[in-house]
Amino acid sequence: MLLTSGNIQEEFLRTFPQAAAAVEADDGADPAGRVDWVFRHDVMPHAIGDPAALRDVFAWIERLLQSTDSMIDYWTAVRLLGRTLGWPEWVPLVEAHAGPLLATAMSR
């Protein structure tokens, strides 16, 4: 199922149920922005060092990159690709775990 602004929060919580409290606490009006913030600041840091969690993180990133929703595209391009995945702790993980869409996006 492609992610949209209408289903991203539900799909995110289905994938990362441990993030429910953080999503609820975020007061952002845009569901894609809310999910982006929680994903980058709550889910991703806790995945470092956990192979199963890293698989889930990179599978989610591939889903984000498949979306054609303009708000999801904005948050993914500007915040996730443009910032977080360039951080020193994520560069080697991206190189080791990137799926085909992420590898293509990072090579641009």
N, C-alpha and C. Protein backbone atom coordinates (compact mmCIF):
# COMPACT_ATOMS: atom_id res chain seq x y z
N MET A 1 0.84 -1.18 0.00
CA MET A 1 0.00 0.00 0.00
C MET A 1 0.89 1.24 0.00
N LEU A 2 0.62 2.12 -0.96
CA LEU A 2 1.37 3.37 -1.01
C LEU A 2 0.99 4.26 0.17
N LEU A 3 1.97 4.95 0.70
CA LEU A 3 1.72 5.88 1.79
C LEU A 3 1.16 7.19 1.25
N THR A 4 0.17 7.72 1.95
CA THR A 4 -0.42 9.02 1.64
C THR A 4 -0.52 9.82 2.92
N SER A 5 -0.82 11.10 2.79
CA SER A 5 -1.04 11.91 4.00
C SER A 5 -2.19 11.37 4.82
N GLY A 6 -3.12 10.71 4.16
CA GLY A 6 -4.28 10.17 4.86
C GLY A 6 -4.03 8.87 5.61
N ASN A 7 -3.00 8.10 5.21
CA ASN A 7 -2.78 6.82 5.90
C ASN A 7 -1.41 6.68 6.56
N ILE A 8 -0.56 7.68 6.42
CA ILE A 8 0.81 7.53 6.90
C ILE A 8 0.90 7.28 8.41
N GLN A 9 0.11 7.98 9.19
CA GLN A 9 0.20 7.80 10.64
C GLN A 9 -0.25 6.40 11.03
N GLU A 10 -1.34 5.92 10.46
CA GLU A 10 -1.83 4.58 10.77
C GLU A 10 -0.80 3.52 10.35
N GLU A 11 -0.24 3.67 9.16
CA GLU A 11 0.75 2.71 8.68
C GLU A 11 2.03 2.77 9.52
N PHE A 12 2.43 3.97 9.92
CA PHE A 12 3.61 4.13 10.76
C PHE A 12 3.42 3.41 12.09
N LEU A 13 2.26 3.60 12.70
CA LEU A 13 2.01 2.97 13.99
C LEU A 13 1.84 1.46 13.87
N ARG A 14 1.39 1.00 12.73
CA ARG A 14 1.31 -0.44 12.49
C ARG A 14 2.73 -1.02 12.41
N THR A 15 3.64 -0.26 11.82
CA THR A 15 5.02 -0.71 11.66
C THR A 15 5.84 -0.50 12.92
N PHE A 16 5.60 0.61 13.60
CA PHE A 16 6.37 0.98 14.79
C PHE A 16 5.42 1.26 15.97
N PRO A 17 4.75 0.26 16.49
CA PRO A 17 3.78 0.51 17.57
C PRO A 17 4.41 1.11 18.82
N GLN A 18 5.71 0.88 19.00
CA GLN A 18 6.40 1.44 20.16
C GLN A 18 6.46 2.96 20.13
N ALA A 19 6.16 3.56 18.99
CA ALA A 19 6.23 5.02 18.84
C ALA A 19 4.90 5.71 19.07
N ALA A 20 3.88 4.98 19.48
CA ALA A 20 2.54 5.55 19.63
C ALA A 20 2.51 6.75 20.58
N ALA A 21 3.15 6.65 21.73
CA ALA A 21 3.13 7.75 22.70
C ALA A 21 3.80 8.99 22.12
N ALA A 22 4.90 8.80 21.41
CA ALA A 22 5.61 9.95 20.82
C ALA A 22 4.78 10.61 19.73
N VAL A 23 4.08 9.82 18.93
CA VAL A 23 3.22 10.40 17.89
C VAL A 23 2.09 11.17 18.54
N GLU A 24 1.49 10.61 19.57
CA GLU A 24 0.39 11.29 20.26
C GLU A 24 0.85 12.58 20.92
N ALA A 25 2.08 12.60 21.43
CA ALA A 25 2.59 13.78 22.11
C ALA A 25 2.97 14.90 21.15
N ASP A 26 3.25 14.56 19.90
CA ASP A 26 3.64 15.57 18.92
C ASP A 26 2.41 16.40 18.56
N ASP A 27 2.56 17.72 18.57
CA ASP A 27 1.40 18.58 18.32
C ASP A 27 1.34 19.12 16.89
N GLY A 28 2.16 18.55 16.00
CA GLY A 28 2.16 19.00 14.61
C GLY A 28 0.83 18.71 13.93
N ALA A 29 0.40 19.62 13.09
CA ALA A 29 -0.89 19.48 12.41
C ALA A 29 -0.81 18.57 11.20
N ASP A 30 0.36 18.43 10.61
CA ASP A 30 0.55 17.64 9.40
C ASP A 30 0.96 16.21 9.78
N PRO A 31 0.16 15.21 9.43
CA PRO A 31 0.50 13.83 9.80
C PRO A 31 1.86 13.39 9.25
N ALA A 32 2.20 13.78 8.03
CA ALA A 32 3.49 13.39 7.46
C ALA A 32 4.64 14.01 8.24
N GLY A 33 4.49 15.25 8.64
CA GLY A 33 5.52 15.91 9.45
C GLY A 33 5.64 15.31 10.83
N ARG A 34 4.52 14.97 11.42
CA ARG A 34 4.50 14.35 12.75
C ARG A 34 5.24 13.00 12.68
N VAL A 35 4.90 12.19 11.69
CA VAL A 35 5.55 10.89 11.54
C VAL A 35 7.04 11.07 11.25
N ASP A 36 7.38 12.03 10.40
CA ASP A 36 8.79 12.29 10.10
C ASP A 36 9.57 12.59 11.36
N TRP A 37 9.04 13.49 12.18
CA TRP A 37 9.75 13.89 13.41
C TRP A 37 9.96 12.69 14.33
N VAL A 38 8.91 11.94 14.57
CA VAL A 38 9.01 10.80 15.49
C VAL A 38 9.93 9.73 14.91
N PHE A 39 9.82 9.49 13.63
CA PHE A 39 10.69 8.50 12.99
C PHE A 39 12.16 8.89 13.14
N ARG A 40 12.49 10.13 12.82
CA ARG A 40 13.89 10.57 12.85
C ARG A 40 14.44 10.74 14.26
N HIS A 41 13.60 11.14 15.21
CA HIS A 41 14.10 11.47 16.54
C HIS A 41 13.81 10.41 17.61
N ASP A 42 12.92 9.48 17.32
CA ASP A 42 12.59 8.45 18.30
C ASP A 42 12.92 7.05 17.78
N VAL A 43 12.42 6.72 16.61
CA VAL A 43 12.60 5.36 16.09
C VAL A 43 14.02 5.11 15.60
N MET A 44 14.52 5.99 14.74
CA MET A 44 15.83 5.75 14.13
C MET A 44 16.97 5.66 15.15
N PRO A 45 17.08 6.56 16.11
CA PRO A 45 18.19 6.44 17.06
C PRO A 45 18.17 5.12 17.84
N HIS A 46 16.99 4.63 18.16
CA HIS A 46 16.89 3.39 18.92
C HIS A 46 17.19 2.17 18.06
N ALA A 47 17.19 2.33 16.74
CA ALA A 47 17.46 1.20 15.84
C ALA A 47 18.95 0.93 15.67
N ILE A 48 19.77 1.93 15.93
CA ILE A 48 21.21 1.75 15.76
C ILE A 48 21.68 0.62 16.68
N GLY A 49 22.36 -0.33 16.09
CA GLY A 49 22.87 -1.47 16.85
C GLY A 49 21.91 -2.64 16.95
N ASP A 50 20.71 -2.50 16.42
CA ASP A 50 19.70 -3.56 16.46
C ASP A 50 19.36 -3.96 15.03
N PRO A 51 19.90 -5.09 14.56
CA PRO A 51 19.71 -5.47 13.16
C PRO A 51 18.24 -5.58 12.73
N ALA A 52 17.38 -6.11 13.56
CA ALA A 52 15.96 -6.22 13.20
C ALA A 52 15.32 -4.85 13.09
N ALA A 53 15.65 -3.97 14.02
CA ALA A 53 15.10 -2.61 13.99
C ALA A 53 15.62 -1.85 12.77
N LEU A 54 16.87 -2.05 12.42
CA LEU A 54 17.43 -1.39 11.24
C LEU A 54 16.73 -1.87 9.97
N ARG A 55 16.42 -3.15 9.89
CA ARG A 55 15.67 -3.65 8.73
C ARG A 55 14.33 -2.94 8.62
N ASP A 56 13.66 -2.77 9.76
CA ASP A 56 12.37 -2.08 9.76
C ASP A 56 12.53 -0.62 9.33
N VAL A 57 13.56 0.04 9.83
CA VAL A 57 13.82 1.44 9.47
C VAL A 57 14.05 1.57 7.97
N PHE A 58 14.90 0.74 7.42
CA PHE A 58 15.20 0.87 6.00
C PHE A 58 14.04 0.40 5.12
N ALA A 59 13.25 -0.53 5.58
CA ALA A 59 12.04 -0.92 4.84
C ALA A 59 11.05 0.25 4.83
N TRP A 60 10.94 0.97 5.95
CA TRP A 60 10.05 2.14 6.02
C TRP A 60 10.54 3.24 5.07
N ILE A 61 11.84 3.45 5.03
CA ILE A 61 12.38 4.47 4.13
C ILE A 61 12.05 4.12 2.67
N GLU A 62 12.15 2.86 2.32
CA GLU A 62 11.79 2.45 0.95
C GLU A 62 10.31 2.75 0.69
N ARG A 63 9.46 2.51 1.68
CA ARG A 63 8.03 2.84 1.52
C ARG A 63 7.83 4.34 1.34
N LEU A 64 8.55 5.14 2.12
CA LEU A 64 8.45 6.60 1.97
C LEU A 64 8.83 7.02 0.56
N LEU A 65 9.88 6.42 0.04
CA LEU A 65 10.37 6.80 -1.29
C LEU A 65 9.45 6.34 -2.42
N GLN A 66 8.58 5.40 -2.16
CA GLN A 66 7.60 4.96 -3.15
C GLN A 66 6.40 5.89 -3.23
N SER A 67 6.18 6.67 -2.20
CA SER A 67 5.00 7.53 -2.13
C SER A 67 5.04 8.62 -3.20
N THR A 68 3.87 8.95 -3.69
CA THR A 68 3.74 10.06 -4.64
C THR A 68 3.05 11.26 -4.00
N ASP A 69 2.80 11.19 -2.71
CA ASP A 69 2.15 12.26 -1.96
C ASP A 69 3.15 13.42 -1.77
N SER A 70 2.76 14.63 -2.12
CA SER A 70 3.69 15.77 -2.08
C SER A 70 4.17 16.09 -0.67
N MET A 71 3.33 15.93 0.35
CA MET A 71 3.78 16.22 1.72
C MET A 71 4.78 15.18 2.20
N ILE A 72 4.54 13.92 1.89
CA ILE A 72 5.48 12.87 2.27
C ILE A 72 6.79 13.08 1.53
N ASP A 73 6.70 13.41 0.26
CA ASP A 73 7.89 13.67 -0.53
C ASP A 73 8.70 14.82 0.05
N TYR A 74 8.02 15.87 0.47
CA TYR A 74 8.71 17.03 1.07
C TYR A 74 9.49 16.60 2.31
N TRP A 75 8.81 15.97 3.26
CA TRP A 75 9.46 15.60 4.52
C TRP A 75 10.58 14.61 4.28
N THR A 76 10.38 13.68 3.37
CA THR A 76 11.41 12.69 3.08
C THR A 76 12.63 13.34 2.45
N ALA A 77 12.42 14.18 1.46
CA ALA A 77 13.54 14.81 0.75
C ALA A 77 14.29 15.81 1.63
N VAL A 78 13.57 16.68 2.28
CA VAL A 78 14.21 17.77 3.02
C VAL A 78 14.79 17.31 4.34
N ARG A 79 14.04 16.57 5.09
CA ARG A 79 14.49 16.21 6.45
C ARG A 79 15.26 14.89 6.51
N LEU A 80 14.69 13.84 5.94
CA LEU A 80 15.32 12.53 6.07
C LEU A 80 16.55 12.41 5.17
N LEU A 81 16.36 12.60 3.88
CA LEU A 81 17.49 12.49 2.95
C LEU A 81 18.44 13.67 3.08
N GLY A 82 17.87 14.86 3.22
CA GLY A 82 18.68 16.07 3.26
C GLY A 82 19.43 16.31 4.55
N ARG A 83 19.02 15.69 5.61
CA ARG A 83 19.67 15.92 6.90
C ARG A 83 20.08 14.63 7.59
N THR A 84 19.11 13.92 8.12
CA THR A 84 19.38 12.81 9.03
C THR A 84 20.29 11.74 8.45
N LEU A 85 20.02 11.29 7.24
CA LEU A 85 20.84 10.21 6.68
C LEU A 85 22.24 10.65 6.32
N GLY A 86 22.51 11.94 6.37
CA GLY A 86 23.86 12.44 6.17
C GLY A 86 24.67 12.56 7.44
N TRP A 87 24.04 12.32 8.59
CA TRP A 87 24.75 12.40 9.87
C TRP A 87 25.79 11.28 9.93
N PRO A 88 26.93 11.53 10.57
CA PRO A 88 28.01 10.55 10.59
C PRO A 88 27.60 9.15 11.06
N GLU A 89 26.70 9.06 12.01
CA GLU A 89 26.30 7.73 12.50
C GLU A 89 25.43 6.97 11.51
N TRP A 90 24.82 7.69 10.56
CA TRP A 90 23.94 7.03 9.59
C TRP A 90 24.60 6.72 8.26
N VAL A 91 25.66 7.42 7.89
CA VAL A 91 26.29 7.20 6.59
C VAL A 91 26.70 5.73 6.39
N PRO A 92 27.44 5.11 7.33
CA PRO A 92 27.81 3.71 7.10
C PRO A 92 26.61 2.77 7.12
N LEU A 93 25.59 3.11 7.89
CA LEU A 93 24.39 2.27 7.92
C LEU A 93 23.63 2.34 6.60
N VAL A 94 23.58 3.54 6.03
CA VAL A 94 22.95 3.69 4.71
C VAL A 94 23.72 2.88 3.68
N GLU A 95 25.03 2.98 3.72
CA GLU A 95 25.85 2.24 2.77
C GLU A 95 25.64 0.73 2.91
N ALA A 96 25.41 0.26 4.11
CA ALA A 96 25.26 -1.18 4.36
C ALA A 96 23.84 -1.70 4.15
N HIS A 97 22.83 -0.85 4.35
CA HIS A 97 21.46 -1.34 4.40
C HIS A 97 20.50 -0.72 3.38
N ALA A 98 20.95 0.22 2.60
CA ALA A 98 20.05 0.93 1.70
C ALA A 98 19.42 -0.02 0.68
N GLY A 99 18.11 0.14 0.51
CA GLY A 99 17.40 -0.56 -0.54
C GLY A 99 17.63 0.17 -1.86
N PRO A 100 17.07 -0.35 -2.93
CA PRO A 100 17.33 0.24 -4.25
C PRO A 100 16.87 1.69 -4.40
N LEU A 101 15.72 2.04 -3.85
CA LEU A 101 15.25 3.42 -3.98
C LEU A 101 16.11 4.39 -3.18
N LEU A 102 16.49 3.99 -1.98
CA LEU A 102 17.33 4.85 -1.16
C LEU A 102 18.71 4.99 -1.79
N ALA A 103 19.28 3.91 -2.27
CA ALA A 103 20.58 3.99 -2.91
C ALA A 103 20.55 4.96 -4.09
N THR A 104 19.51 4.91 -4.87
CA THR A 104 19.37 5.83 -6.00
C THR A 104 19.22 7.27 -5.51
N ALA A 105 18.38 7.48 -4.50
CA ALA A 105 18.15 8.83 -3.98
C ALA A 105 19.42 9.42 -3.38
N MET A 106 20.20 8.61 -2.72
CA MET A 106 21.42 9.11 -2.07
C MET A 106 22.54 9.38 -3.08
N SER A 107 22.45 8.78 -4.24
CA SER A 107 23.50 8.97 -5.24
C SER A 107 23.31 10.24 -6.06
N ARG A 108 22.20 10.92 -5.87
CA ARG A 108 21.93 12.15 -6.63
C ARG A 108 22.70 13.32 -6.09
